[in-house]
Each structure stands twice: as structure tokens, then as C-alpha cells.
Amino acid sequence: MPRKGDFLLSEPFMKDPSFKRAVILLCEHNQTGSFGFILNKISDFSVQELILDFPAFDAPVYLGGPVGEDTLHFLHRCGPILENSIKVRENIWWGGNFEQLKEEIRNGNIFPDDIRFFIGYSGWGVGQLKSEMDDNSWIISDKYTDFYGESADLWKTIMHDMGGNYKLLSNFPEDPQLN
């Protein structure tokens, strides 16, 4: 079963467009449910379009999932300097004091490659993720940690790095009929 800080990779043939070839960082997983953020689906929005008083900052906004699409979240590697940040795994924190975040950006202490913003999140109710795991909808990886860089090939990269059958699946076309 997955744990907080694990990466969930959608199985290669998942049809749901929200999760097709998705990589989700699981930020919480307990008896009341689970939630995380899709790391490899970029939006067309900038942070300044979503938060009007946000300082100039060239960081993309990702589609974190289909739940709460009217909410903005962030993952970062600035945990030691942002109050109320929650450590998810080594070098990855979730949230924190948003006003302090803006001030640290204005002061040049936080850079775009230190943070990822997300519209919405991915969430599962009690037992829902277990049911999806039992249906083999998700593949668990705890090995990958550097998601702050390029995200377009993240699913393929993690699958390839897992080796064995996963390496073979990483090269499988999204639509085999077009092959």
C-alpha cells in the first residue's frame, strides 16, 4: 500500500483524461483518506493571473487534480524558511504561510525552481485509493525525488528508472492504434 511521500503513477492504459500518464505525489494517506498533486500536467495559467497581488515570478502552475479546482496549493523545497510548511518527504514540503511566501519571493530568497503551484488536487475518500490499487490502477514508486525540473516526460522517466517490466511499459505508446 502507498504511504505519504510516495509517487503514484497511473497504469499505462488509464482512460480517465485527468489521470492519463499522471504522476501524483501523495501528500497524505491515512484512515480518513488520501490526497496529492499531479506533478506532470501543466496549466495555461500564471500565478499572477490567479493571485492578483502576487509578485513577479516566472513559475508555471500545474493541474493538481480534478478536486477543488478553485483552490491553489504549492509544493516547495523551502520548508526551513516557510512557517507552517508540512514535510511530505525529503526536500519536499507542502504549503506554508502564503504571505511569507510572497515576501520571500519579493526579497529574492525563493526562486521558480524551488516551488510548484497547483490548481486543485487529487483526493480519495476512505477506502477509495485501496480499491483503485486493488484494480491495478496505480503503480507505486518511492524512489524518485527530483520533480522540480522538467515535467513533460516525468511518467516515462520514473517508469523507465524503475526497470524490469516498468521499463518496457515506459516505451509503450499512449495510443497503440496509432503505432
N, C-alpha and C. Protein backbone atom coordinates (compact mmCIF):
# COMPACT_ATOMS: atom_id res chain seq x y z
N MET A 1 0.84 -1.20 0.00
CA MET A 1 0.00 0.00 0.00
C MET A 1 0.88 1.25 0.00
N PRO A 2 0.34 2.30 -0.56
CA PRO A 2 1.12 3.55 -0.62
C PRO A 2 1.25 4.22 0.74
N ARG A 3 2.23 5.10 0.83
CA ARG A 3 2.47 5.89 2.04
C ARG A 3 2.62 7.35 1.64
N LYS A 4 2.46 8.20 2.61
CA LYS A 4 2.72 9.62 2.41
C LYS A 4 4.13 9.77 1.83
N GLY A 5 4.26 10.59 0.79
CA GLY A 5 5.55 10.81 0.17
C GLY A 5 5.84 9.91 -1.02
N ASP A 6 4.99 8.89 -1.24
CA ASP A 6 5.16 8.03 -2.41
C ASP A 6 4.65 8.72 -3.66
N PHE A 7 5.12 8.25 -4.79
CA PHE A 7 4.62 8.70 -6.09
C PHE A 7 3.68 7.64 -6.63
N LEU A 8 2.52 8.07 -7.08
CA LEU A 8 1.57 7.18 -7.74
C LEU A 8 1.64 7.46 -9.22
N LEU A 9 1.88 6.43 -10.00
CA LEU A 9 1.91 6.54 -11.45
C LEU A 9 0.70 5.81 -12.00
N SER A 10 -0.06 6.48 -12.84
CA SER A 10 -1.24 5.82 -13.40
C SER A 10 -0.78 4.65 -14.27
N GLU A 11 -1.59 3.61 -14.28
CA GLU A 11 -1.25 2.48 -15.13
C GLU A 11 -1.29 2.97 -16.58
N PRO A 12 -0.50 2.36 -17.45
CA PRO A 12 -0.30 2.90 -18.80
C PRO A 12 -1.56 3.03 -19.66
N PHE A 13 -2.60 2.29 -19.34
CA PHE A 13 -3.78 2.27 -20.19
C PHE A 13 -4.97 3.00 -19.59
N MET A 14 -4.74 3.78 -18.54
CA MET A 14 -5.82 4.50 -17.89
C MET A 14 -6.47 5.45 -18.89
N LYS A 15 -7.80 5.40 -18.94
CA LYS A 15 -8.56 6.20 -19.90
C LYS A 15 -8.94 7.58 -19.36
N ASP A 16 -9.09 7.72 -18.05
CA ASP A 16 -9.52 8.98 -17.45
C ASP A 16 -8.54 10.08 -17.85
N PRO A 17 -9.00 11.10 -18.60
CA PRO A 17 -8.07 12.14 -19.07
C PRO A 17 -7.40 12.93 -17.94
N SER A 18 -8.03 13.00 -16.78
CA SER A 18 -7.41 13.71 -15.65
C SER A 18 -6.16 13.00 -15.16
N PHE A 19 -6.13 11.67 -15.33
CA PHE A 19 -5.04 10.88 -14.76
C PHE A 19 -4.22 10.10 -15.79
N LYS A 20 -4.47 10.31 -17.06
CA LYS A 20 -3.73 9.59 -18.10
C LYS A 20 -2.25 9.94 -18.01
N ARG A 21 -1.42 8.93 -17.78
CA ARG A 21 0.04 9.06 -17.65
C ARG A 21 0.41 10.07 -16.56
N ALA A 22 -0.39 10.11 -15.50
CA ALA A 22 -0.17 11.05 -14.40
C ALA A 22 0.84 10.51 -13.39
N VAL A 23 1.59 11.44 -12.79
CA VAL A 23 2.45 11.15 -11.65
C VAL A 23 1.93 12.02 -10.52
N ILE A 24 1.52 11.37 -9.43
CA ILE A 24 0.95 12.08 -8.28
C ILE A 24 1.86 11.90 -7.09
N LEU A 25 2.20 13.01 -6.44
CA LEU A 25 2.91 12.93 -5.17
C LEU A 25 1.84 12.83 -4.09
N LEU A 26 1.86 11.74 -3.34
CA LEU A 26 0.89 11.51 -2.28
C LEU A 26 1.32 12.29 -1.04
N CYS A 27 0.58 13.34 -0.71
CA CYS A 27 0.94 14.22 0.41
C CYS A 27 0.34 13.78 1.73
N GLU A 28 -0.71 12.99 1.67
CA GLU A 28 -1.33 12.45 2.88
C GLU A 28 -2.01 11.14 2.53
N HIS A 29 -1.88 10.17 3.42
CA HIS A 29 -2.53 8.87 3.25
C HIS A 29 -2.74 8.30 4.64
N ASN A 30 -4.00 8.28 5.07
CA ASN A 30 -4.31 7.77 6.40
C ASN A 30 -5.71 7.18 6.42
N GLN A 31 -6.22 6.89 7.60
CA GLN A 31 -7.52 6.23 7.73
C GLN A 31 -8.70 7.09 7.29
N THR A 32 -8.50 8.40 7.11
CA THR A 32 -9.61 9.27 6.69
C THR A 32 -9.59 9.55 5.18
N GLY A 33 -8.54 9.12 4.49
CA GLY A 33 -8.46 9.32 3.04
C GLY A 33 -7.05 9.67 2.60
N SER A 34 -6.96 10.10 1.35
CA SER A 34 -5.67 10.39 0.75
C SER A 34 -5.78 11.60 -0.17
N PHE A 35 -4.67 12.33 -0.32
CA PHE A 35 -4.65 13.40 -1.30
C PHE A 35 -3.23 13.65 -1.77
N GLY A 36 -3.15 14.23 -2.96
CA GLY A 36 -1.85 14.56 -3.53
C GLY A 36 -2.03 15.46 -4.73
N PHE A 37 -0.94 15.67 -5.46
CA PHE A 37 -0.95 16.58 -6.59
C PHE A 37 -0.34 15.92 -7.82
N ILE A 38 -0.98 16.12 -8.97
CA ILE A 38 -0.42 15.64 -10.24
C ILE A 38 0.76 16.54 -10.58
N LEU A 39 1.91 15.94 -10.80
CA LEU A 39 3.14 16.69 -11.00
C LEU A 39 3.46 17.00 -12.45
N ASN A 40 2.76 16.36 -13.37
CA ASN A 40 3.18 16.47 -14.77
C ASN A 40 2.10 16.95 -15.74
N LYS A 41 1.15 17.74 -15.24
CA LYS A 41 0.12 18.31 -16.12
C LYS A 41 0.11 19.83 -15.91
N ILE A 42 0.72 20.53 -16.82
CA ILE A 42 0.86 21.97 -16.68
C ILE A 42 -0.41 22.67 -17.18
N SER A 43 -0.74 23.79 -16.56
CA SER A 43 -1.91 24.58 -16.96
C SER A 43 -1.46 25.72 -17.88
N ASP A 44 -2.42 26.49 -18.33
CA ASP A 44 -2.13 27.67 -19.15
C ASP A 44 -2.08 28.94 -18.31
N PHE A 45 -2.16 28.81 -16.99
CA PHE A 45 -2.24 29.97 -16.10
C PHE A 45 -0.87 30.32 -15.52
N SER A 46 -0.73 31.59 -15.18
CA SER A 46 0.42 32.03 -14.38
C SER A 46 -0.11 32.31 -12.97
N VAL A 47 0.77 32.34 -12.01
CA VAL A 47 0.36 32.63 -10.63
C VAL A 47 -0.27 34.03 -10.55
N GLN A 48 0.28 34.97 -11.30
CA GLN A 48 -0.23 36.35 -11.26
C GLN A 48 -1.66 36.44 -11.80
N GLU A 49 -2.05 35.56 -12.70
CA GLU A 49 -3.43 35.54 -13.19
C GLU A 49 -4.40 35.04 -12.13
N LEU A 50 -3.91 34.19 -11.25
CA LEU A 50 -4.75 33.59 -10.22
C LEU A 50 -4.76 34.38 -8.92
N ILE A 51 -3.64 35.00 -8.58
CA ILE A 51 -3.50 35.78 -7.35
C ILE A 51 -3.02 37.17 -7.77
N LEU A 52 -3.91 38.14 -7.73
CA LEU A 52 -3.62 39.46 -8.30
C LEU A 52 -2.45 40.20 -7.64
N ASP A 53 -2.27 40.04 -6.34
CA ASP A 53 -1.18 40.77 -5.67
C ASP A 53 0.10 39.94 -5.54
N PHE A 54 0.22 38.89 -6.37
CA PHE A 54 1.41 38.05 -6.30
C PHE A 54 2.58 38.75 -6.99
N PRO A 55 3.77 38.68 -6.40
CA PRO A 55 4.93 39.36 -7.00
C PRO A 55 5.30 38.72 -8.35
N ALA A 56 6.03 39.46 -9.17
CA ALA A 56 6.50 38.93 -10.44
C ALA A 56 7.32 37.66 -10.17
N PHE A 57 6.92 36.58 -10.84
CA PHE A 57 7.53 35.28 -10.54
C PHE A 57 7.23 34.35 -11.71
N ASP A 58 8.23 33.90 -12.39
CA ASP A 58 8.06 33.09 -13.59
C ASP A 58 8.04 31.61 -13.25
N ALA A 59 6.95 31.18 -12.61
CA ALA A 59 6.80 29.77 -12.25
C ALA A 59 5.48 29.27 -12.82
N PRO A 60 5.50 28.10 -13.47
CA PRO A 60 4.26 27.58 -14.04
C PRO A 60 3.30 27.11 -12.95
N VAL A 61 2.04 26.99 -13.35
CA VAL A 61 1.00 26.45 -12.48
C VAL A 61 0.56 25.12 -13.09
N TYR A 62 0.48 24.10 -12.26
CA TYR A 62 0.11 22.77 -12.71
C TYR A 62 -1.33 22.45 -12.32
N LEU A 63 -1.90 21.46 -13.01
CA LEU A 63 -3.24 20.97 -12.69
C LEU A 63 -3.05 19.86 -11.66
N GLY A 64 -3.32 20.16 -10.40
CA GLY A 64 -3.06 19.22 -9.32
C GLY A 64 -4.04 18.07 -9.26
N GLY A 65 -5.19 18.24 -9.88
CA GLY A 65 -6.20 17.19 -9.90
C GLY A 65 -7.58 17.78 -10.08
N PRO A 66 -8.56 16.90 -10.22
CA PRO A 66 -9.91 17.35 -10.53
C PRO A 66 -10.74 17.80 -9.32
N VAL A 67 -10.18 17.75 -8.13
CA VAL A 67 -10.92 18.14 -6.92
C VAL A 67 -10.50 19.56 -6.51
N GLY A 68 -11.44 20.37 -6.12
CA GLY A 68 -11.13 21.71 -5.62
C GLY A 68 -10.41 22.56 -6.64
N GLU A 69 -10.90 22.58 -7.85
CA GLU A 69 -10.21 23.31 -8.92
C GLU A 69 -10.27 24.83 -8.73
N ASP A 70 -10.93 25.27 -7.68
CA ASP A 70 -10.94 26.69 -7.35
C ASP A 70 -9.97 27.01 -6.22
N THR A 71 -9.04 26.08 -5.95
CA THR A 71 -8.06 26.27 -4.89
C THR A 71 -6.64 26.26 -5.48
N LEU A 72 -5.73 26.97 -4.82
CA LEU A 72 -4.33 27.00 -5.23
C LEU A 72 -3.48 26.42 -4.10
N HIS A 73 -2.58 25.51 -4.44
CA HIS A 73 -1.70 24.86 -3.48
C HIS A 73 -0.27 24.99 -3.98
N PHE A 74 0.68 24.68 -3.12
CA PHE A 74 2.07 24.69 -3.57
C PHE A 74 2.91 23.67 -2.81
N LEU A 75 3.84 23.07 -3.56
CA LEU A 75 4.88 22.21 -3.02
C LEU A 75 6.20 22.95 -3.22
N HIS A 76 7.14 22.73 -2.31
CA HIS A 76 8.38 23.50 -2.39
C HIS A 76 9.50 22.80 -1.65
N ARG A 77 10.68 23.36 -1.81
CA ARG A 77 11.84 22.87 -1.06
C ARG A 77 12.35 23.94 -0.11
N CYS A 78 11.45 24.78 0.39
CA CYS A 78 11.79 25.90 1.26
C CYS A 78 11.26 25.71 2.67
N GLY A 79 11.02 24.48 3.06
CA GLY A 79 10.44 24.19 4.36
C GLY A 79 11.09 24.88 5.54
N PRO A 80 12.42 24.91 5.59
CA PRO A 80 13.06 25.54 6.75
C PRO A 80 12.78 27.05 6.87
N ILE A 81 12.40 27.73 5.77
CA ILE A 81 12.18 29.17 5.88
C ILE A 81 10.70 29.57 5.82
N LEU A 82 9.81 28.65 5.46
CA LEU A 82 8.38 28.98 5.39
C LEU A 82 7.63 28.38 6.58
N GLU A 83 7.10 29.25 7.41
CA GLU A 83 6.36 28.81 8.58
C GLU A 83 5.15 27.96 8.16
N ASN A 84 4.83 26.98 8.99
CA ASN A 84 3.67 26.09 8.82
C ASN A 84 3.75 25.18 7.61
N SER A 85 4.94 25.00 7.03
CA SER A 85 5.12 24.03 5.96
C SER A 85 5.04 22.62 6.54
N ILE A 86 4.49 21.71 5.76
CA ILE A 86 4.37 20.32 6.19
C ILE A 86 5.29 19.47 5.33
N LYS A 87 6.23 18.78 5.97
CA LYS A 87 7.17 17.95 5.23
C LYS A 87 6.44 16.72 4.69
N VAL A 88 6.59 16.50 3.38
CA VAL A 88 5.97 15.36 2.72
C VAL A 88 6.99 14.23 2.58
N ARG A 89 8.19 14.58 2.17
CA ARG A 89 9.32 13.66 2.06
C ARG A 89 10.58 14.50 1.99
N GLU A 90 11.72 13.89 1.91
CA GLU A 90 12.98 14.62 1.89
C GLU A 90 12.96 15.67 0.78
N ASN A 91 13.21 16.92 1.15
CA ASN A 91 13.32 18.05 0.23
C ASN A 91 11.99 18.45 -0.43
N ILE A 92 10.86 17.99 0.10
CA ILE A 92 9.56 18.39 -0.45
C ILE A 92 8.62 18.71 0.70
N TRP A 93 8.13 19.96 0.72
CA TRP A 93 7.16 20.41 1.71
C TRP A 93 5.90 20.87 1.00
N TRP A 94 4.81 20.82 1.73
CA TRP A 94 3.52 21.26 1.21
C TRP A 94 3.07 22.49 1.99
N GLY A 95 2.63 23.52 1.25
CA GLY A 95 2.02 24.69 1.86
C GLY A 95 2.94 25.49 2.74
N GLY A 96 2.31 26.25 3.61
CA GLY A 96 3.03 27.15 4.50
C GLY A 96 2.39 28.52 4.47
N ASN A 97 2.99 29.44 5.16
CA ASN A 97 2.47 30.80 5.27
C ASN A 97 2.56 31.50 3.91
N PHE A 98 1.40 31.75 3.29
CA PHE A 98 1.35 32.29 1.93
C PHE A 98 1.86 33.73 1.87
N GLU A 99 1.54 34.54 2.87
CA GLU A 99 2.05 35.93 2.88
C GLU A 99 3.56 35.94 3.03
N GLN A 100 4.08 35.04 3.84
CA GLN A 100 5.53 34.93 3.99
C GLN A 100 6.17 34.46 2.68
N LEU A 101 5.51 33.54 1.98
CA LEU A 101 6.00 33.09 0.68
C LEU A 101 6.15 34.26 -0.27
N LYS A 102 5.12 35.09 -0.37
CA LYS A 102 5.18 36.26 -1.26
C LYS A 102 6.32 37.19 -0.87
N GLU A 103 6.50 37.40 0.42
CA GLU A 103 7.58 38.29 0.90
C GLU A 103 8.96 37.71 0.58
N GLU A 104 9.12 36.40 0.77
CA GLU A 104 10.41 35.75 0.46
C GLU A 104 10.71 35.83 -1.04
N ILE A 105 9.68 35.74 -1.87
CA ILE A 105 9.87 35.90 -3.32
C ILE A 105 10.29 37.33 -3.64
N ARG A 106 9.59 38.30 -3.05
CA ARG A 106 9.95 39.72 -3.27
C ARG A 106 11.40 40.00 -2.86
N ASN A 107 11.85 39.35 -1.79
CA ASN A 107 13.20 39.56 -1.28
C ASN A 107 14.26 38.74 -2.02
N GLY A 108 13.83 37.94 -2.99
CA GLY A 108 14.78 37.14 -3.78
C GLY A 108 15.31 35.91 -3.08
N ASN A 109 14.58 35.42 -2.07
CA ASN A 109 15.03 34.24 -1.32
C ASN A 109 14.43 32.93 -1.83
N ILE A 110 13.40 33.02 -2.67
CA ILE A 110 12.76 31.84 -3.26
C ILE A 110 12.73 32.04 -4.77
N PHE A 111 13.12 31.00 -5.50
CA PHE A 111 13.22 31.07 -6.95
C PHE A 111 12.22 30.11 -7.60
N PRO A 112 11.88 30.33 -8.86
CA PRO A 112 10.89 29.48 -9.53
C PRO A 112 11.20 27.99 -9.48
N ASP A 113 12.47 27.60 -9.50
CA ASP A 113 12.76 26.17 -9.47
C ASP A 113 12.71 25.59 -8.05
N ASP A 114 12.32 26.41 -7.07
CA ASP A 114 12.15 25.93 -5.69
C ASP A 114 10.71 25.54 -5.37
N ILE A 115 9.79 25.80 -6.31
CA ILE A 115 8.38 25.70 -5.95
C ILE A 115 7.54 25.25 -7.14
N ARG A 116 6.44 24.59 -6.84
CA ARG A 116 5.42 24.23 -7.84
C ARG A 116 4.06 24.62 -7.31
N PHE A 117 3.31 25.32 -8.14
CA PHE A 117 1.94 25.71 -7.80
C PHE A 117 0.96 24.78 -8.50
N PHE A 118 -0.19 24.54 -7.83
CA PHE A 118 -1.19 23.61 -8.36
C PHE A 118 -2.59 24.19 -8.21
N ILE A 119 -3.38 24.06 -9.27
CA ILE A 119 -4.81 24.34 -9.20
C ILE A 119 -5.47 23.00 -8.89
N GLY A 120 -6.22 22.94 -7.81
CA GLY A 120 -6.90 21.70 -7.45
C GLY A 120 -5.95 20.65 -6.90
N TYR A 121 -6.52 19.50 -6.60
CA TYR A 121 -5.75 18.39 -6.06
C TYR A 121 -6.43 17.08 -6.42
N SER A 122 -5.76 15.99 -6.13
CA SER A 122 -6.30 14.65 -6.34
C SER A 122 -6.63 14.09 -4.97
N GLY A 123 -7.86 13.63 -4.79
CA GLY A 123 -8.26 13.15 -3.48
C GLY A 123 -9.05 11.85 -3.55
N TRP A 124 -8.94 11.07 -2.50
CA TRP A 124 -9.63 9.80 -2.39
C TRP A 124 -10.26 9.73 -1.01
N GLY A 125 -11.50 9.27 -0.95
CA GLY A 125 -12.19 9.05 0.32
C GLY A 125 -11.70 7.77 0.97
N VAL A 126 -12.25 7.47 2.12
CA VAL A 126 -11.88 6.27 2.87
C VAL A 126 -12.05 5.03 1.98
N GLY A 127 -10.97 4.27 1.84
CA GLY A 127 -11.01 3.02 1.09
C GLY A 127 -10.97 3.17 -0.43
N GLN A 128 -11.14 4.37 -0.95
CA GLN A 128 -11.20 4.56 -2.40
C GLN A 128 -9.86 4.26 -3.07
N LEU A 129 -8.77 4.77 -2.53
CA LEU A 129 -7.46 4.51 -3.13
C LEU A 129 -7.12 3.02 -3.04
N LYS A 130 -7.45 2.39 -1.92
CA LYS A 130 -7.20 0.95 -1.79
C LYS A 130 -7.93 0.18 -2.87
N SER A 131 -9.17 0.56 -3.12
CA SER A 131 -9.95 -0.10 -4.17
C SER A 131 -9.29 0.09 -5.54
N GLU A 132 -8.81 1.29 -5.81
CA GLU A 132 -8.14 1.55 -7.09
C GLU A 132 -6.81 0.80 -7.18
N MET A 133 -6.13 0.66 -6.05
CA MET A 133 -4.89 -0.12 -6.03
C MET A 133 -5.20 -1.59 -6.31
N ASP A 134 -6.28 -2.10 -5.71
CA ASP A 134 -6.68 -3.49 -5.94
C ASP A 134 -7.03 -3.74 -7.41
N ASP A 135 -7.49 -2.69 -8.10
CA ASP A 135 -7.82 -2.79 -9.53
C ASP A 135 -6.60 -2.52 -10.42
N ASN A 136 -5.43 -2.37 -9.79
CA ASN A 136 -4.17 -2.10 -10.51
C ASN A 136 -4.20 -0.81 -11.33
N SER A 137 -4.89 0.21 -10.80
CA SER A 137 -4.95 1.50 -11.49
C SER A 137 -3.70 2.34 -11.26
N TRP A 138 -2.95 2.02 -10.19
CA TRP A 138 -1.79 2.84 -9.81
C TRP A 138 -0.57 1.97 -9.56
N ILE A 139 0.57 2.52 -9.89
CA ILE A 139 1.86 1.90 -9.63
C ILE A 139 2.57 2.80 -8.61
N ILE A 140 3.13 2.21 -7.58
CA ILE A 140 3.77 2.98 -6.51
C ILE A 140 5.27 3.04 -6.73
N SER A 141 5.83 4.24 -6.56
CA SER A 141 7.28 4.40 -6.57
C SER A 141 7.66 5.31 -5.40
N ASP A 142 8.68 4.93 -4.68
CA ASP A 142 9.17 5.80 -3.60
C ASP A 142 10.59 6.29 -3.92
N LYS A 143 11.07 6.00 -5.10
CA LYS A 143 12.47 6.26 -5.44
C LYS A 143 12.74 7.64 -6.02
N TYR A 144 11.79 8.23 -6.71
CA TYR A 144 12.04 9.45 -7.46
C TYR A 144 11.87 10.68 -6.59
N THR A 145 12.81 11.63 -6.64
CA THR A 145 12.69 12.80 -5.78
C THR A 145 12.84 14.13 -6.51
N ASP A 146 13.45 14.17 -7.68
CA ASP A 146 13.72 15.45 -8.34
C ASP A 146 12.64 15.81 -9.34
N PHE A 147 11.50 16.28 -8.86
CA PHE A 147 10.42 16.64 -9.77
C PHE A 147 10.35 18.14 -10.01
N TYR A 148 11.29 18.90 -9.50
CA TYR A 148 11.24 20.35 -9.64
C TYR A 148 11.60 20.81 -11.05
N GLY A 149 12.27 19.98 -11.81
CA GLY A 149 12.67 20.36 -13.16
C GLY A 149 11.57 20.09 -14.18
N GLU A 150 11.95 19.69 -15.35
CA GLU A 150 11.03 19.43 -16.47
C GLU A 150 10.04 18.33 -16.09
N SER A 151 8.78 18.50 -16.49
CA SER A 151 7.75 17.53 -16.10
C SER A 151 7.13 16.78 -17.26
N ALA A 152 7.39 17.18 -18.49
CA ALA A 152 6.70 16.59 -19.64
C ALA A 152 6.89 15.08 -19.73
N ASP A 153 8.07 14.58 -19.44
CA ASP A 153 8.34 13.15 -19.54
C ASP A 153 8.49 12.47 -18.17
N LEU A 154 7.94 13.07 -17.14
CA LEU A 154 8.13 12.55 -15.79
C LEU A 154 7.61 11.13 -15.64
N TRP A 155 6.41 10.85 -16.15
CA TRP A 155 5.84 9.49 -16.05
C TRP A 155 6.78 8.49 -16.71
N LYS A 156 7.20 8.78 -17.92
CA LYS A 156 8.08 7.87 -18.66
C LYS A 156 9.42 7.70 -17.95
N THR A 157 9.98 8.80 -17.44
CA THR A 157 11.27 8.76 -16.76
C THR A 157 11.22 7.87 -15.52
N ILE A 158 10.21 8.05 -14.69
CA ILE A 158 10.11 7.25 -13.47
C ILE A 158 9.90 5.78 -13.80
N MET A 159 8.98 5.49 -14.75
CA MET A 159 8.73 4.10 -15.15
C MET A 159 10.02 3.46 -15.67
N HIS A 160 10.74 4.17 -16.52
CA HIS A 160 11.99 3.65 -17.08
C HIS A 160 12.99 3.36 -15.97
N ASP A 161 13.13 4.30 -15.02
CA ASP A 161 14.10 4.14 -13.94
C ASP A 161 13.74 3.02 -12.97
N MET A 162 12.47 2.61 -12.95
CA MET A 162 12.07 1.50 -12.07
C MET A 162 12.55 0.16 -12.62
N GLY A 163 12.90 0.12 -13.91
CA GLY A 163 13.48 -1.08 -14.52
C GLY A 163 12.48 -2.19 -14.77
N GLY A 164 12.98 -3.32 -15.24
CA GLY A 164 12.17 -4.51 -15.49
C GLY A 164 11.00 -4.23 -16.43
N ASN A 165 9.84 -4.79 -16.06
CA ASN A 165 8.63 -4.60 -16.88
C ASN A 165 8.21 -3.14 -16.96
N TYR A 166 8.51 -2.37 -15.92
CA TYR A 166 8.15 -0.95 -15.94
C TYR A 166 8.93 -0.23 -17.04
N LYS A 167 10.19 -0.61 -17.22
CA LYS A 167 11.00 -0.02 -18.28
C LYS A 167 10.37 -0.29 -19.65
N LEU A 168 9.88 -1.50 -19.84
CA LEU A 168 9.20 -1.84 -21.09
C LEU A 168 7.93 -1.02 -21.27
N LEU A 169 7.14 -0.89 -20.20
CA LEU A 169 5.89 -0.13 -20.26
C LEU A 169 6.14 1.35 -20.53
N SER A 170 7.28 1.86 -20.09
CA SER A 170 7.57 3.28 -20.29
C SER A 170 7.63 3.66 -21.76
N ASN A 171 7.93 2.70 -22.61
CA ASN A 171 8.03 2.96 -24.05
C ASN A 171 6.76 2.60 -24.81
N PHE A 172 5.77 2.10 -24.12
CA PHE A 172 4.53 1.72 -24.77
C PHE A 172 3.79 2.98 -25.21
N PRO A 173 3.31 3.05 -26.46
CA PRO A 173 2.64 4.26 -26.92
C PRO A 173 1.33 4.51 -26.18
N GLU A 174 0.98 5.80 -26.03
CA GLU A 174 -0.26 6.15 -25.35
C GLU A 174 -1.46 5.58 -26.10
N ASP A 175 -1.42 5.59 -27.41
CA ASP A 175 -2.49 5.03 -28.21
C ASP A 175 -1.88 4.01 -29.17
N PRO A 176 -1.93 2.72 -28.81
CA PRO A 176 -1.29 1.69 -29.63
C PRO A 176 -1.85 1.62 -31.05
N GLN A 177 -3.06 2.09 -31.28
CA GLN A 177 -3.66 2.07 -32.61
C GLN A 177 -2.96 3.03 -33.56
N LEU A 178 -2.26 4.01 -33.02
CA LEU A 178 -1.55 4.97 -33.85
C LEU A 178 -0.14 4.52 -34.16
N ASN A 179 0.24 3.37 -33.63
CA ASN A 179 1.59 2.86 -33.82
C ASN A 179 1.77 2.21 -35.17
